[in-house]
């Protein structure tokens, strides 16, 4: 099926801060769907967030 990722595999590809941002971006009662595309969106969202803070 190839639909299983270990934490170690994910941490090799993504910064822990990106994973935290991804997990915090959803409502706590909603199931969290994991995919590399969604992590990339979280990465770009976190970059936008830091750029906004930097520009203040």
PDB file of N, CA and C in Angstrom:
ATOM      1  N   UNK A   1       0.814  -1.207   0.000  1.00  0.00           N
ATOM      2  CA  UNK A   1       0.000   0.000   0.000  1.00  0.00           C
ATOM      3  C   UNK A   1       0.850   1.262   0.000  1.00  0.00           C
ATOM      4  N   UNK A   2       1.995   1.197   0.652  1.00  0.00           N
ATOM      5  CA  UNK A   2       2.917   2.336   0.696  1.00  0.00           C
ATOM      6  C   UNK A   2       2.264   3.590   1.284  1.00  0.00           C
ATOM      7  N   UNK A   3       1.448   3.405   2.316  1.00  0.00           N
ATOM      8  CA  UNK A   3       0.776   4.544   2.949  1.00  0.00           C
ATOM      9  C   UNK A   3       1.183   4.688   4.410  1.00  0.00           C
ATOM     10  N   UNK A   4       2.392   4.267   4.731  1.00  0.00           N
ATOM     11  CA  UNK A   4       2.866   4.310   6.112  1.00  0.00           C
ATOM     12  C   UNK A   4       4.185   5.065   6.159  1.00  0.00           C
ATOM     13  N   UNK A   5       4.275   6.050   7.045  1.00  0.00           N
ATOM     14  CA  UNK A   5       5.496   6.827   7.230  1.00  0.00           C
ATOM     15  C   UNK A   5       5.877   6.777   8.701  1.00  0.00           C
ATOM     16  N   UNK A   6       7.132   6.504   8.988  1.00  0.00           N
ATOM     17  CA  UNK A   6       7.581   6.572  10.377  1.00  0.00           C
ATOM     18  C   UNK A   6       7.950   8.017  10.695  1.00  0.00           C
ATOM     19  N   UNK A   7       7.982   8.309  11.964  1.00  0.00           N
ATOM     20  CA  UNK A   7       8.368   9.656  12.395  1.00  0.00           C
ATOM     21  C   UNK A   7       9.780   9.972  11.930  1.00  0.00           C
ATOM     22  N   UNK A   8      10.648   9.007  12.012  1.00  0.00           N
ATOM     23  CA  UNK A   8      12.039   9.209  11.588  1.00  0.00           C
ATOM     24  C   UNK A   8      12.118   9.579  10.103  1.00  0.00           C
ATOM     25  N   UNK A   9      11.326   8.914   9.267  1.00  0.00           N
ATOM     26  CA  UNK A   9      11.326   9.222   7.831  1.00  0.00           C
ATOM     27  C   UNK A   9      10.836  10.642   7.565  1.00  0.00           C
ATOM     28  N   UNK A  10       9.807  11.041   8.264  1.00  0.00           N
ATOM     29  CA  UNK A  10       9.258  12.386   8.067  1.00  0.00           C
ATOM     30  C   UNK A  10      10.253  13.438   8.547  1.00  0.00           C
ATOM     31  N   UNK A  11      10.907  13.176   9.680  1.00  0.00           N
ATOM     32  CA  UNK A  11      11.866  14.143  10.212  1.00  0.00           C
ATOM     33  C   UNK A  11      13.121  14.256   9.349  1.00  0.00           C
ATOM     34  N   UNK A  12      13.411  13.248   8.556  1.00  0.00           N
ATOM     35  CA  UNK A  12      14.547  13.346   7.637  1.00  0.00           C
ATOM     36  C   UNK A  12      14.240  14.304   6.491  1.00  0.00           C
ATOM     37  N   UNK A  13      12.972  14.452   6.158  1.00  0.00           N
ATOM     38  CA  UNK A  13      12.583  15.285   5.018  1.00  0.00           C
ATOM     39  C   UNK A  13      12.105  16.676   5.417  1.00  0.00           C
ATOM     40  N   UNK A  14      11.556  16.814   6.627  1.00  0.00           N
ATOM     41  CA  UNK A  14      10.942  18.080   7.030  1.00  0.00           C
ATOM     42  C   UNK A  14      11.455  18.514   8.391  1.00  0.00           C
ATOM     43  N   UNK A  15      11.551  19.804   8.560  1.00  0.00           N
ATOM     44  CA  UNK A  15      11.945  20.393   9.835  1.00  0.00           C
ATOM     45  C   UNK A  15      10.851  20.127  10.869  1.00  0.00           C
ATOM     46  N   UNK A  16      11.213  19.872  12.114  1.00  0.00           N
ATOM     47  CA  UNK A  16      10.185  19.635  13.140  1.00  0.00           C
ATOM     48  C   UNK A  16       9.190  20.782  13.285  1.00  0.00           C
ATOM     49  N   UNK A  17       9.646  22.002  13.042  1.00  0.00           N
ATOM     50  CA  UNK A  17       8.752  23.154  13.130  1.00  0.00           C
ATOM     51  C   UNK A  17       7.650  23.089  12.073  1.00  0.00           C
ATOM     52  N   UNK A  18       7.977  22.588  10.902  1.00  0.00           N
ATOM     53  CA  UNK A  18       6.984  22.437   9.830  1.00  0.00           C
ATOM     54  C   UNK A  18       5.938  21.410  10.244  1.00  0.00           C
ATOM     55  N   UNK A  19       6.380  20.330  10.854  1.00  0.00           N
ATOM     56  CA  UNK A  19       5.451  19.287  11.296  1.00  0.00           C
ATOM     57  C   UNK A  19       4.542  19.826  12.391  1.00  0.00           C
ATOM     58  N   UNK A  20       5.095  20.601  13.319  1.00  0.00           N
ATOM     59  CA  UNK A  20       4.271  21.218  14.372  1.00  0.00           C
ATOM     60  C   UNK A  20       3.229  22.153  13.769  1.00  0.00           C
ATOM     61  N   UNK A  21       3.664  22.987  12.837  1.00  0.00           N
ATOM     62  CA  UNK A  21       2.748  23.923  12.193  1.00  0.00           C
ATOM     63  C   UNK A  21       1.646  23.168  11.458  1.00  0.00           C
ATOM     64  N   UNK A  22       2.006  22.089  10.787  1.00  0.00           N
ATOM     65  CA  UNK A  22       1.034  21.252  10.081  1.00  0.00           C
ATOM     66  C   UNK A  22       0.005  20.696  11.055  1.00  0.00           C
ATOM     67  N   UNK A  23       0.464  20.198  12.186  1.00  0.00           N
ATOM     68  CA  UNK A  23      -0.450  19.597  13.159  1.00  0.00           C
ATOM     69  C   UNK A  23      -1.332  20.647  13.833  1.00  0.00           C
ATOM     70  N   UNK A  24      -0.803  21.840  14.030  1.00  0.00           N
ATOM     71  CA  UNK A  24      -1.580  22.902  14.665  1.00  0.00           C
ATOM     72  C   UNK A  24      -2.548  23.587  13.700  1.00  0.00           C
ATOM     73  N   UNK A  25      -2.387  23.353  12.418  1.00  0.00           N
ATOM     74  CA  UNK A  25      -3.222  24.054  11.442  1.00  0.00           C
ATOM     75  C   UNK A  25      -4.635  23.486  11.337  1.00  0.00           C
ATOM     76  N   UNK A  26      -4.854  22.314  11.880  1.00  0.00           N
ATOM     77  CA  UNK A  26      -6.183  21.720  11.811  1.00  0.00           C
ATOM     78  C   UNK A  26      -6.898  21.783  13.145  1.00  0.00           C
ATOM     79  N   UNK A  27      -8.195  21.633  13.105  1.00  0.00           N
ATOM     80  CA  UNK A  27      -8.998  21.609  14.324  1.00  0.00           C
ATOM     81  C   UNK A  27      -8.718  20.319  15.082  1.00  0.00           C
ATOM     82  N   UNK A  28      -8.689  20.397  16.405  1.00  0.00           N
ATOM     83  CA  UNK A  28      -8.289  19.237  17.202  1.00  0.00           C
ATOM     84  C   UNK A  28      -9.282  18.082  17.139  1.00  0.00           C
ATOM     85  N   UNK A  29     -10.500  18.334  16.755  1.00  0.00           N
ATOM     86  CA  UNK A  29     -11.490  17.252  16.649  1.00  0.00           C
ATOM     87  C   UNK A  29     -11.610  16.679  15.242  1.00  0.00           C
ATOM     88  N   UNK A  30     -10.892  17.259  14.313  1.00  0.00           N
ATOM     89  CA  UNK A  30     -10.942  16.808  12.928  1.00  0.00           C
ATOM     90  C   UNK A  30      -9.787  15.848  12.665  1.00  0.00           C
ATOM     91  N   UNK A  31     -10.047  14.737  11.987  1.00  0.00           N
ATOM     92  CA  UNK A  31      -8.938  13.831  11.647  1.00  0.00           C
ATOM     93  C   UNK A  31      -7.891  14.557  10.801  1.00  0.00           C
ATOM     94  N   UNK A  32      -6.651  14.250  11.059  1.00  0.00           N
ATOM     95  CA  UNK A  32      -5.542  14.892  10.362  1.00  0.00           C
ATOM     96  C   UNK A  32      -5.104  13.994   9.210  1.00  0.00           C
ATOM     97  N   UNK A  33      -5.308  14.436   8.000  1.00  0.00           N
ATOM     98  CA  UNK A  33      -4.877  13.686   6.819  1.00  0.00           C
ATOM     99  C   UNK A  33      -3.447  14.072   6.500  1.00  0.00           C
ATOM    100  N   UNK A  34      -2.588  13.081   6.419  1.00  0.00           N
ATOM    101  CA  UNK A  34      -1.172  13.320   6.194  1.00  0.00           C
ATOM    102  C   UNK A  34      -0.816  13.029   4.750  1.00  0.00           C
ATOM    103  N   UNK A  35      -0.106  13.959   4.124  1.00  0.00           N
ATOM    104  CA  UNK A  35       0.435  13.724   2.789  1.00  0.00           C
ATOM    105  C   UNK A  35       1.621  14.665   2.587  1.00  0.00           C
ATOM    106  N   UNK A  36       2.557  14.284   1.744  1.00  0.00           N
ATOM    107  CA  UNK A  36       3.690  15.174   1.460  1.00  0.00           C
ATOM    108  C   UNK A  36       3.243  16.526   0.896  1.00  0.00           C
ATOM    109  N   UNK A  37       2.174  16.539   0.112  1.00  0.00           N
ATOM    110  CA  UNK A  37       1.671  17.809  -0.436  1.00  0.00           C
ATOM    111  C   UNK A  37       1.203  18.743   0.673  1.00  0.00           C
ATOM    112  N   UNK A  38       0.514  18.188   1.664  1.00  0.00           N
ATOM    113  CA  UNK A  38       0.038  19.012   2.776  1.00  0.00           C
ATOM    114  C   UNK A  38       1.198  19.514   3.623  1.00  0.00           C
ATOM    115  N   UNK A  39       2.247  18.712   3.762  1.00  0.00           N
ATOM    116  CA  UNK A  39       3.428  19.178   4.490  1.00  0.00           C
ATOM    117  C   UNK A  39       4.129  20.297   3.727  1.00  0.00           C
ATOM    118  N   UNK A  40       4.149  20.209   2.417  1.00  0.00           N
ATOM    119  CA  UNK A  40       4.735  21.290   1.615  1.00  0.00           C
ATOM    120  C   UNK A  40       3.924  22.576   1.768  1.00  0.00           C
ATOM    121  N   UNK A  41       2.606  22.452   1.833  1.00  0.00           N
ATOM    122  CA  UNK A  41       1.757  23.623   2.064  1.00  0.00           C
ATOM    123  C   UNK A  41       2.034  24.216   3.439  1.00  0.00           C
ATOM    124  N   UNK A  42       2.220  23.360   4.435  1.00  0.00           N
ATOM    125  CA  UNK A  42       2.536  23.845   5.775  1.00  0.00           C
ATOM    126  C   UNK A  42       3.890  24.537   5.782  1.00  0.00           C
ATOM    127  N   UNK A  43       4.836  24.003   5.043  1.00  0.00           N
ATOM    128  CA  UNK A  43       6.167  24.612   4.957  1.00  0.00           C
ATOM    129  C   UNK A  43       6.084  26.012   4.361  1.00  0.00           C
ATOM    130  N   UNK A  44       5.340  26.156   3.272  1.00  0.00           N
ATOM    131  CA  UNK A  44       5.215  27.483   2.657  1.00  0.00           C
ATOM    132  C   UNK A  44       4.406  28.423   3.546  1.00  0.00           C
ATOM    133  N   UNK A  45       3.410  27.910   4.255  1.00  0.00           N
ATOM    134  CA  UNK A  45       2.649  28.739   5.186  1.00  0.00           C
ATOM    135  C   UNK A  45       3.499  29.230   6.340  1.00  0.00           C
ATOM    136  N   UNK A  46       4.368  28.374   6.839  1.00  0.00           N
ATOM    137  CA  UNK A  46       5.268  28.768   7.924  1.00  0.00           C
ATOM    138  C   UNK A  46       6.266  29.809   7.437  1.00  0.00           C
ATOM    139  N   UNK A  47       6.745  29.658   6.210  1.00  0.00           N
ATOM    140  CA  UNK A  47       7.653  30.655   5.639  1.00  0.00           C
ATOM    141  C   UNK A  47       6.955  32.006   5.490  1.00  0.00           C
ATOM    142  N   UNK A  48       5.698  32.001   5.036  1.00  0.00           N
ATOM    143  CA  UNK A  48       4.929  33.254   4.935  1.00  0.00           C
ATOM    144  C   UNK A  48       4.758  33.889   6.309  1.00  0.00           C
ATOM    145  N   UNK A  49       4.490  33.061   7.309  1.00  0.00           N
ATOM    146  CA  UNK A  49       4.325  33.549   8.676  1.00  0.00           C
ATOM    147  C   UNK A  49       5.601  34.233   9.163  1.00  0.00           C
ATOM    148  N   UNK A  50       6.747  33.576   8.975  1.00  0.00           N
ATOM    149  CA  UNK A  50       8.013  34.167   9.410  1.00  0.00           C
ATOM    150  C   UNK A  50       8.361  35.419   8.607  1.00  0.00           C
ATOM    151  N   UNK A  51       8.046  35.430   7.328  1.00  0.00           N
ATOM    152  CA  UNK A  51       8.290  36.632   6.524  1.00  0.00           C
ATOM    153  C   UNK A  51       7.432  37.795   7.005  1.00  0.00           C
ATOM    154  N   UNK A  52       6.198  37.520   7.386  1.00  0.00           N
ATOM    155  CA  UNK A  52       5.315  38.573   7.903  1.00  0.00           C
ATOM    156  C   UNK A  52       5.864  39.152   9.197  1.00  0.00           C
ATOM    157  N   UNK A  53       6.335  38.287  10.071  1.00  0.00           N
ATOM    158  CA  UNK A  53       6.909  38.760  11.335  1.00  0.00           C
ATOM    159  C   UNK A  53       8.167  39.575  11.069  1.00  0.00           C
ATOM    160  N   UNK A  54       8.976  39.107  10.143  1.00  0.00           N
ATOM    161  CA  UNK A  54      10.223  39.803   9.821  1.00  0.00           C
ATOM    162  C   UNK A  54       9.952  41.200   9.259  1.00  0.00           C
ATOM    163  N   UNK A  55       8.859  41.357   8.524  1.00  0.00           N
ATOM    164  CA  UNK A  55       8.537  42.633   7.889  1.00  0.00           C
ATOM    165  C   UNK A  55       7.837  43.625   8.815  1.00  0.00           C
ATOM    166  N   UNK A  56       7.547  43.225  10.038  1.00  0.00           N
ATOM    167  CA  UNK A  56       6.881  44.151  10.969  1.00  0.00           C
ATOM    168  C   UNK A  56       7.790  45.251  11.417  1.00  0.00           C
TER     169      UNK A  56
END
